[in-house]
Amino acid sequence: MLLRNGLEPWHLLIVALVIIMVFGSKKLPDMARSLGKSARILKSEAKAMKADAGVEPAAPEQS
């Protein structure tokens, strides 16, 4: 059964070959660079949102 063992190394090899055939080897470095840049932007935006959430004023205490 295929799903029982999960992904095996040859599955990843086939996926890599298909990606290279579809996009071409010359475009892959640019795609990887833009993917990394997008991940960095997403990480910094998530960090900024967490920082903004921590700065909100606390609710007034009731006595």
N, C-alpha and C. Protein backbone atom coordinates (compact mmCIF):
# COMPACT_ATOMS: atom_id res chain seq x y z
N MET A 1 0.84 -1.18 0.00
CA MET A 1 0.00 0.00 0.00
C MET A 1 0.89 1.24 0.00
N LEU A 2 0.61 2.18 -0.85
CA LEU A 2 1.45 3.36 -1.04
C LEU A 2 1.41 4.30 0.16
N LEU A 3 0.24 4.56 0.71
CA LEU A 3 0.12 5.54 1.79
C LEU A 3 0.62 5.01 3.13
N ARG A 4 0.74 3.72 3.27
CA ARG A 4 1.18 3.15 4.54
C ARG A 4 2.61 3.58 4.87
N ASN A 5 3.48 3.61 3.88
CA ASN A 5 4.89 3.94 4.10
C ASN A 5 5.18 5.42 3.93
N GLY A 6 4.24 6.18 3.47
CA GLY A 6 4.48 7.61 3.25
C GLY A 6 5.36 7.82 2.02
N LEU A 7 6.01 8.94 1.97
CA LEU A 7 6.88 9.25 0.83
C LEU A 7 8.21 8.55 0.98
N GLU A 8 8.61 7.91 -0.06
CA GLU A 8 9.92 7.27 -0.10
C GLU A 8 10.85 8.14 -0.94
N PRO A 9 12.14 7.93 -0.85
CA PRO A 9 13.08 8.78 -1.59
C PRO A 9 12.82 8.82 -3.10
N TRP A 10 12.41 7.70 -3.68
CA TRP A 10 12.19 7.72 -5.13
C TRP A 10 10.96 8.55 -5.50
N HIS A 11 10.00 8.71 -4.58
CA HIS A 11 8.87 9.60 -4.85
C HIS A 11 9.36 11.04 -4.99
N LEU A 12 10.23 11.44 -4.09
CA LEU A 12 10.77 12.80 -4.14
C LEU A 12 11.60 13.03 -5.40
N LEU A 13 12.31 12.00 -5.83
CA LEU A 13 13.10 12.10 -7.06
C LEU A 13 12.19 12.31 -8.27
N ILE A 14 11.08 11.58 -8.32
CA ILE A 14 10.15 11.74 -9.43
C ILE A 14 9.53 13.13 -9.41
N VAL A 15 9.17 13.64 -8.24
CA VAL A 15 8.60 14.98 -8.14
C VAL A 15 9.62 16.02 -8.60
N ALA A 16 10.88 15.86 -8.20
CA ALA A 16 11.93 16.80 -8.62
C ALA A 16 12.11 16.77 -10.13
N LEU A 17 12.11 15.60 -10.71
CA LEU A 17 12.27 15.49 -12.17
C LEU A 17 11.11 16.14 -12.91
N VAL A 18 9.89 15.94 -12.42
CA VAL A 18 8.73 16.56 -13.06
C VAL A 18 8.82 18.08 -12.97
N ILE A 19 9.22 18.60 -11.81
CA ILE A 19 9.35 20.06 -11.65
C ILE A 19 10.40 20.61 -12.60
N ILE A 20 11.52 19.91 -12.72
CA ILE A 20 12.57 20.37 -13.64
C ILE A 20 12.08 20.33 -15.07
N MET A 21 11.34 19.30 -15.43
CA MET A 21 10.83 19.20 -16.81
C MET A 21 9.78 20.29 -17.09
N VAL A 22 8.95 20.62 -16.12
CA VAL A 22 7.89 21.60 -16.35
C VAL A 22 8.45 23.01 -16.39
N PHE A 23 9.29 23.37 -15.43
CA PHE A 23 9.76 24.75 -15.33
C PHE A 23 11.10 25.00 -16.00
N GLY A 24 11.87 23.97 -16.22
CA GLY A 24 13.19 24.15 -16.81
C GLY A 24 14.22 24.48 -15.76
N SER A 25 15.43 24.03 -15.99
CA SER A 25 16.48 24.19 -14.98
C SER A 25 16.96 25.63 -14.84
N LYS A 26 16.73 26.46 -15.85
CA LYS A 26 17.21 27.85 -15.76
C LYS A 26 16.31 28.71 -14.88
N LYS A 27 15.04 28.37 -14.76
CA LYS A 27 14.12 29.18 -13.96
C LYS A 27 14.09 28.76 -12.51
N LEU A 28 14.56 27.58 -12.18
CA LEU A 28 14.47 27.08 -10.81
C LEU A 28 15.20 27.95 -9.79
N PRO A 29 16.42 28.43 -10.05
CA PRO A 29 17.07 29.29 -9.05
C PRO A 29 16.29 30.58 -8.77
N ASP A 30 15.71 31.18 -9.82
CA ASP A 30 14.91 32.38 -9.62
C ASP A 30 13.65 32.09 -8.82
N MET A 31 13.04 30.94 -9.10
CA MET A 31 11.83 30.57 -8.35
C MET A 31 12.17 30.32 -6.89
N ALA A 32 13.28 29.66 -6.63
CA ALA A 32 13.68 29.38 -5.25
C ALA A 32 14.01 30.68 -4.52
N ARG A 33 14.65 31.60 -5.20
CA ARG A 33 14.99 32.89 -4.61
C ARG A 33 13.73 33.67 -4.25
N SER A 34 12.76 33.70 -5.16
CA SER A 34 11.53 34.43 -4.88
C SER A 34 10.71 33.74 -3.79
N LEU A 35 10.76 32.43 -3.73
CA LEU A 35 10.07 31.70 -2.66
C LEU A 35 10.70 32.03 -1.31
N GLY A 36 12.01 32.08 -1.24
CA GLY A 36 12.71 32.44 -0.01
C GLY A 36 12.39 33.87 0.42
N LYS A 37 12.34 34.76 -0.55
CA LYS A 37 12.03 36.16 -0.26
C LYS A 37 10.61 36.27 0.28
N SER A 38 9.68 35.54 -0.32
CA SER A 38 8.29 35.55 0.15
C SER A 38 8.18 34.99 1.56
N ALA A 39 8.93 33.94 1.85
CA ALA A 39 8.91 33.34 3.19
C ALA A 39 9.45 34.33 4.22
N ARG A 40 10.50 35.06 3.87
CA ARG A 40 11.05 36.06 4.80
C ARG A 40 10.05 37.19 5.06
N ILE A 41 9.36 37.63 4.01
CA ILE A 41 8.36 38.69 4.17
C ILE A 41 7.22 38.20 5.06
N LEU A 42 6.76 36.98 4.82
CA LEU A 42 5.68 36.42 5.62
C LEU A 42 6.09 36.31 7.09
N LYS A 43 7.32 35.88 7.32
CA LYS A 43 7.82 35.74 8.69
C LYS A 43 7.89 37.10 9.38
N SER A 44 8.39 38.11 8.68
CA SER A 44 8.51 39.44 9.30
C SER A 44 7.13 40.05 9.55
N GLU A 45 6.18 39.82 8.65
CA GLU A 45 4.83 40.34 8.85
C GLU A 45 4.15 39.66 10.04
N ALA A 46 4.34 38.35 10.17
CA ALA A 46 3.76 37.62 11.30
C ALA A 46 4.37 38.11 12.61
N LYS A 47 5.67 38.37 12.60
CA LYS A 47 6.35 38.89 13.79
C LYS A 47 5.82 40.27 14.15
N ALA A 48 5.58 41.11 13.14
CA ALA A 48 5.06 42.45 13.37
C ALA A 48 3.64 42.38 13.93
N MET A 49 2.84 41.45 13.43
CA MET A 49 1.47 41.31 13.93
C MET A 49 1.47 40.86 15.39
N LYS A 50 2.39 39.95 15.74
CA LYS A 50 2.49 39.51 17.13
C LYS A 50 2.93 40.67 18.02
N ALA A 51 3.85 41.48 17.55
CA ALA A 51 4.33 42.62 18.33
C ALA A 51 3.21 43.65 18.51
N ASP A 52 2.42 43.88 17.45
CA ASP A 52 1.30 44.81 17.55
C ASP A 52 0.24 44.31 18.52
N ALA A 53 0.02 43.03 18.54
CA ALA A 53 -0.99 42.45 19.44
C ALA A 53 -0.54 42.60 20.90
N GLY A 54 0.74 42.56 21.15
CA GLY A 54 1.25 42.69 22.51
C GLY A 54 1.26 44.11 23.01
N VAL A 55 1.20 45.10 22.12
CA VAL A 55 1.28 46.51 22.49
C VAL A 55 -0.08 47.08 22.82
N GLU A 56 -1.16 46.39 22.48
CA GLU A 56 -2.50 46.93 22.72
C GLU A 56 -2.69 47.26 24.19
N PRO A 57 -3.37 48.33 24.48
CA PRO A 57 -3.58 48.72 25.88
C PRO A 57 -4.41 47.66 26.62
N ALA A 58 -4.07 47.49 27.86
CA ALA A 58 -4.77 46.51 28.69
C ALA A 58 -6.15 47.07 29.05
N ALA A 59 -7.09 46.18 29.29
CA ALA A 59 -8.43 46.60 29.69
C ALA A 59 -8.35 47.21 31.08
N PRO A 60 -9.16 48.22 31.36
CA PRO A 60 -9.12 48.84 32.69
C PRO A 60 -9.56 47.83 33.75
N GLU A 61 -8.87 47.90 34.88
CA GLU A 61 -9.18 46.98 35.96
C GLU A 61 -10.42 47.46 36.69
N GLN A 62 -11.25 46.49 37.05
CA GLN A 62 -12.47 46.84 37.81
C GLN A 62 -12.23 46.53 39.28
N SER A 63 -12.57 47.49 40.15
CA SER A 63 -12.35 47.29 41.59
C SER A 63 -13.63 46.97 42.29
